[in-house]
């Protein structure tokens, strides 16, 4: 199985969580739920999300941060390496 197909399957399964981590939503996608009852502590206000989308860089940094965090305990090491985020030995 290629890394790209693994990423696509993982993305389809956890797309809500990815949206939450990249766009820092307050309720949507927290713990991959459609709508979480409690707000996320990392959630941005609407103004912050809009600024992040317009300036692009905060969104890119959030994506990079999501990749790094996925390999320091948020995902099992085998899944992290399967997605191509692990260390290249």
N, C-alpha and C. Protein backbone atom coordinates (compact mmCIF):
# COMPACT_ATOMS: atom_id res chain seq x y z
N UNK A 1 0.85 -1.18 0.00
CA UNK A 1 0.00 0.00 0.00
C UNK A 1 0.89 1.24 0.00
N UNK A 2 0.57 2.17 -0.85
CA UNK A 2 1.37 3.38 -0.95
C UNK A 2 1.03 4.35 0.18
N UNK A 3 1.95 5.25 0.43
CA UNK A 3 1.75 6.26 1.47
C UNK A 3 0.56 7.15 1.13
N UNK A 4 0.43 7.50 -0.16
CA UNK A 4 -0.67 8.39 -0.56
C UNK A 4 -2.03 7.73 -0.33
N UNK A 5 -2.17 6.45 -0.68
CA UNK A 5 -3.46 5.79 -0.46
C UNK A 5 -3.76 5.65 1.03
N UNK A 6 -2.72 5.44 1.84
CA UNK A 6 -2.91 5.37 3.30
C UNK A 6 -3.38 6.72 3.82
N UNK A 7 -2.79 7.80 3.32
CA UNK A 7 -3.19 9.14 3.75
C UNK A 7 -4.63 9.45 3.35
N UNK A 8 -5.01 9.04 2.15
CA UNK A 8 -6.37 9.29 1.68
C UNK A 8 -7.37 8.53 2.55
N UNK A 9 -7.12 7.25 2.81
CA UNK A 9 -8.03 6.47 3.65
C UNK A 9 -8.11 7.04 5.06
N UNK A 10 -6.98 7.42 5.62
CA UNK A 10 -6.95 8.00 6.96
C UNK A 10 -7.69 9.34 6.98
N UNK A 11 -7.47 10.13 5.92
CA UNK A 11 -8.14 11.42 5.82
C UNK A 11 -9.65 11.29 5.72
N UNK A 12 -10.11 10.29 4.99
CA UNK A 12 -11.55 10.06 4.88
C UNK A 12 -12.15 9.64 6.21
N UNK A 13 -11.39 8.87 6.98
CA UNK A 13 -11.88 8.40 8.27
C UNK A 13 -11.89 9.51 9.32
N UNK A 14 -10.85 10.35 9.32
CA UNK A 14 -10.68 11.36 10.37
C UNK A 14 -10.73 12.79 9.82
N UNK A 15 -11.52 13.05 8.79
CA UNK A 15 -11.54 14.37 8.18
C UNK A 15 -12.04 15.44 9.14
N UNK A 16 -12.97 15.11 10.02
CA UNK A 16 -13.48 16.12 10.96
C UNK A 16 -12.38 16.58 11.91
N UNK A 17 -11.61 15.61 12.38
CA UNK A 17 -10.51 15.94 13.29
C UNK A 17 -9.46 16.80 12.59
N UNK A 18 -9.16 16.49 11.34
CA UNK A 18 -8.19 17.30 10.58
C UNK A 18 -8.69 18.72 10.40
N UNK A 19 -9.97 18.89 10.08
CA UNK A 19 -10.54 20.24 9.94
C UNK A 19 -10.43 20.98 11.27
N UNK A 20 -10.72 20.27 12.36
CA UNK A 20 -10.63 20.90 13.68
C UNK A 20 -9.20 21.35 13.98
N UNK A 21 -8.21 20.51 13.70
CA UNK A 21 -6.83 20.85 14.03
C UNK A 21 -6.24 21.91 13.10
N UNK A 22 -6.62 21.90 11.84
CA UNK A 22 -6.07 22.87 10.90
C UNK A 22 -6.74 24.24 11.05
N UNK A 23 -8.06 24.24 11.21
CA UNK A 23 -8.79 25.51 11.30
C UNK A 23 -9.12 25.91 12.74
N UNK A 24 -8.70 25.10 13.71
CA UNK A 24 -8.88 25.40 15.13
C UNK A 24 -10.33 25.71 15.49
N UNK A 25 -11.25 24.85 15.04
CA UNK A 25 -12.66 25.06 15.35
C UNK A 25 -12.91 24.84 16.84
N UNK A 26 -13.96 25.44 17.36
CA UNK A 26 -14.23 25.33 18.79
C UNK A 26 -15.10 24.13 19.13
N UNK A 27 -15.96 23.70 18.25
CA UNK A 27 -16.86 22.57 18.51
C UNK A 27 -16.79 21.49 17.43
N UNK A 28 -16.70 21.91 16.18
CA UNK A 28 -16.74 20.97 15.06
C UNK A 28 -15.48 20.12 15.00
N UNK A 29 -15.64 18.82 14.95
CA UNK A 29 -14.52 17.92 14.74
C UNK A 29 -13.69 17.60 15.96
N UNK A 30 -14.02 18.14 17.12
CA UNK A 30 -13.27 17.82 18.34
C UNK A 30 -13.42 16.33 18.61
N UNK A 31 -12.30 15.63 18.75
CA UNK A 31 -12.29 14.17 18.95
C UNK A 31 -13.02 13.43 17.83
N UNK A 32 -13.00 14.02 16.63
CA UNK A 32 -13.62 13.45 15.44
C UNK A 32 -15.13 13.30 15.59
N UNK A 33 -15.75 14.05 16.48
CA UNK A 33 -17.20 14.06 16.61
C UNK A 33 -17.76 15.12 15.66
N UNK A 34 -19.00 14.93 15.24
CA UNK A 34 -19.61 15.91 14.35
C UNK A 34 -19.70 17.27 15.04
N UNK A 35 -20.18 17.28 16.29
CA UNK A 35 -20.31 18.52 17.04
C UNK A 35 -20.12 18.19 18.51
N UNK A 36 -19.04 18.63 19.10
CA UNK A 36 -18.71 18.30 20.49
C UNK A 36 -19.52 19.18 21.45
N UNK A 37 -19.96 18.61 22.57
CA UNK A 37 -20.73 19.40 23.53
C UNK A 37 -19.88 20.44 24.26
N UNK A 38 -18.59 20.18 24.42
CA UNK A 38 -17.70 21.11 25.12
C UNK A 38 -16.76 21.78 24.11
N UNK A 39 -16.45 23.06 24.28
CA UNK A 39 -15.55 23.73 23.34
C UNK A 39 -14.11 23.24 23.50
N UNK A 40 -13.37 23.33 22.43
CA UNK A 40 -11.96 22.96 22.44
C UNK A 40 -11.14 24.10 23.05
N UNK A 41 -10.12 23.74 23.80
CA UNK A 41 -9.26 24.77 24.40
C UNK A 41 -8.37 25.42 23.35
N UNK A 42 -8.17 24.77 22.20
CA UNK A 42 -7.34 25.36 21.16
C UNK A 42 -8.18 26.07 20.10
N UNK A 43 -9.49 26.13 20.30
CA UNK A 43 -10.38 26.73 19.30
C UNK A 43 -10.15 28.22 19.13
N UNK A 44 -10.20 28.65 17.88
CA UNK A 44 -10.07 30.06 17.54
C UNK A 44 -11.45 30.69 17.42
N UNK A 45 -11.50 31.99 17.61
CA UNK A 45 -12.74 32.74 17.35
C UNK A 45 -12.93 32.84 15.84
N UNK A 46 -14.11 33.24 15.42
CA UNK A 46 -14.38 33.39 13.98
C UNK A 46 -13.40 34.37 13.33
N UNK A 47 -13.08 35.45 14.02
CA UNK A 47 -12.14 36.44 13.49
C UNK A 47 -10.76 35.83 13.28
N UNK A 48 -10.30 35.03 14.25
CA UNK A 48 -8.98 34.39 14.11
C UNK A 48 -8.96 33.39 12.96
N UNK A 49 -10.04 32.61 12.81
CA UNK A 49 -10.11 31.66 11.70
C UNK A 49 -10.11 32.39 10.36
N UNK A 50 -10.87 33.45 10.24
CA UNK A 50 -10.91 34.22 9.01
C UNK A 50 -9.53 34.80 8.70
N UNK A 51 -8.87 35.36 9.69
CA UNK A 51 -7.52 35.91 9.49
C UNK A 51 -6.56 34.80 9.06
N UNK A 52 -6.66 33.61 9.66
CA UNK A 52 -5.80 32.50 9.29
C UNK A 52 -6.02 32.07 7.85
N UNK A 53 -7.28 32.06 7.41
CA UNK A 53 -7.58 31.68 6.02
C UNK A 53 -7.07 32.74 5.06
N UNK A 54 -7.26 34.01 5.38
CA UNK A 54 -6.83 35.09 4.48
C UNK A 54 -5.31 35.19 4.37
N UNK A 55 -4.62 34.97 5.47
CA UNK A 55 -3.16 35.11 5.45
C UNK A 55 -2.44 33.80 5.17
N UNK A 56 -3.12 32.70 5.13
CA UNK A 56 -2.65 31.36 4.78
C UNK A 56 -1.58 30.80 5.73
N UNK A 57 -0.59 31.57 6.12
CA UNK A 57 0.51 31.02 6.92
C UNK A 57 0.04 30.37 8.22
N UNK A 58 -0.87 30.95 9.00
CA UNK A 58 -1.30 30.25 10.22
C UNK A 58 -1.90 28.87 9.91
N UNK A 59 -2.61 28.75 8.79
CA UNK A 59 -3.20 27.48 8.42
C UNK A 59 -2.10 26.48 8.07
N UNK A 60 -1.07 26.93 7.35
CA UNK A 60 0.07 26.06 7.01
C UNK A 60 0.77 25.61 8.28
N UNK A 61 0.99 26.53 9.22
CA UNK A 61 1.63 26.17 10.49
C UNK A 61 0.78 25.18 11.28
N UNK A 62 -0.54 25.35 11.26
CA UNK A 62 -1.41 24.41 11.97
C UNK A 62 -1.30 23.02 11.36
N UNK A 63 -1.22 22.92 10.02
CA UNK A 63 -1.07 21.64 9.35
C UNK A 63 0.26 21.00 9.73
N UNK A 64 1.33 21.79 9.72
CA UNK A 64 2.64 21.26 10.10
C UNK A 64 2.63 20.81 11.55
N UNK A 65 1.99 21.58 12.40
CA UNK A 65 1.88 21.21 13.82
C UNK A 65 1.10 19.91 13.98
N UNK A 66 0.04 19.74 13.19
CA UNK A 66 -0.75 18.51 13.26
C UNK A 66 0.12 17.31 12.89
N UNK A 67 0.97 17.45 11.87
CA UNK A 67 1.85 16.35 11.47
C UNK A 67 2.85 16.02 12.58
N UNK A 68 3.43 17.04 13.18
CA UNK A 68 4.41 16.80 14.25
C UNK A 68 3.74 16.16 15.45
N UNK A 69 2.58 16.70 15.88
CA UNK A 69 1.90 16.15 17.04
C UNK A 69 1.45 14.72 16.81
N UNK A 70 1.14 14.38 15.56
CA UNK A 70 0.68 13.03 15.28
C UNK A 70 1.78 12.01 15.57
N UNK A 71 3.03 12.43 15.53
CA UNK A 71 4.14 11.48 15.74
C UNK A 71 4.75 11.57 17.13
N UNK A 72 4.18 12.37 18.00
CA UNK A 72 4.71 12.42 19.38
C UNK A 72 3.68 11.94 20.38
N UNK A 73 2.90 10.96 19.95
CA UNK A 73 2.00 10.32 20.89
C UNK A 73 0.53 10.39 20.56
N UNK A 74 0.12 11.21 19.60
CA UNK A 74 -1.30 11.28 19.27
C UNK A 74 -1.73 10.09 18.44
N UNK A 75 -0.80 9.52 17.69
CA UNK A 75 -1.07 8.33 16.89
C UNK A 75 -0.09 7.24 17.29
N UNK A 76 -0.48 5.98 17.14
CA UNK A 76 0.51 4.91 17.33
C UNK A 76 1.64 5.08 16.31
N UNK A 77 2.85 4.73 16.71
CA UNK A 77 4.02 4.93 15.85
C UNK A 77 3.86 4.24 14.50
N UNK A 78 3.26 3.05 14.46
CA UNK A 78 3.08 2.33 13.20
C UNK A 78 2.19 3.11 12.24
N UNK A 79 1.11 3.74 12.76
CA UNK A 79 0.23 4.54 11.90
C UNK A 79 0.96 5.78 11.41
N UNK A 80 1.73 6.40 12.28
CA UNK A 80 2.48 7.59 11.91
C UNK A 80 3.44 7.28 10.76
N UNK A 81 4.15 6.17 10.85
CA UNK A 81 5.09 5.79 9.79
C UNK A 81 4.36 5.39 8.53
N UNK A 82 3.20 4.74 8.66
CA UNK A 82 2.42 4.34 7.50
C UNK A 82 1.93 5.56 6.72
N UNK A 83 1.64 6.63 7.43
CA UNK A 83 1.20 7.87 6.78
C UNK A 83 2.35 8.68 6.22
N UNK A 84 3.58 8.24 6.48
CA UNK A 84 4.75 8.92 5.93
C UNK A 84 5.22 10.08 6.78
N UNK A 85 4.77 10.16 8.03
CA UNK A 85 5.17 11.26 8.90
C UNK A 85 6.33 10.88 9.82
N UNK A 86 6.68 9.60 9.86
CA UNK A 86 7.72 9.14 10.78
C UNK A 86 9.11 9.50 10.28
N UNK A 87 10.08 9.16 11.11
CA UNK A 87 11.47 9.45 10.74
C UNK A 87 11.89 8.52 9.61
N UNK A 88 12.72 9.03 8.74
CA UNK A 88 13.22 8.26 7.59
C UNK A 88 14.58 7.68 7.95
N UNK A 89 14.62 6.39 8.30
CA UNK A 89 15.90 5.76 8.65
C UNK A 89 16.51 5.16 7.42
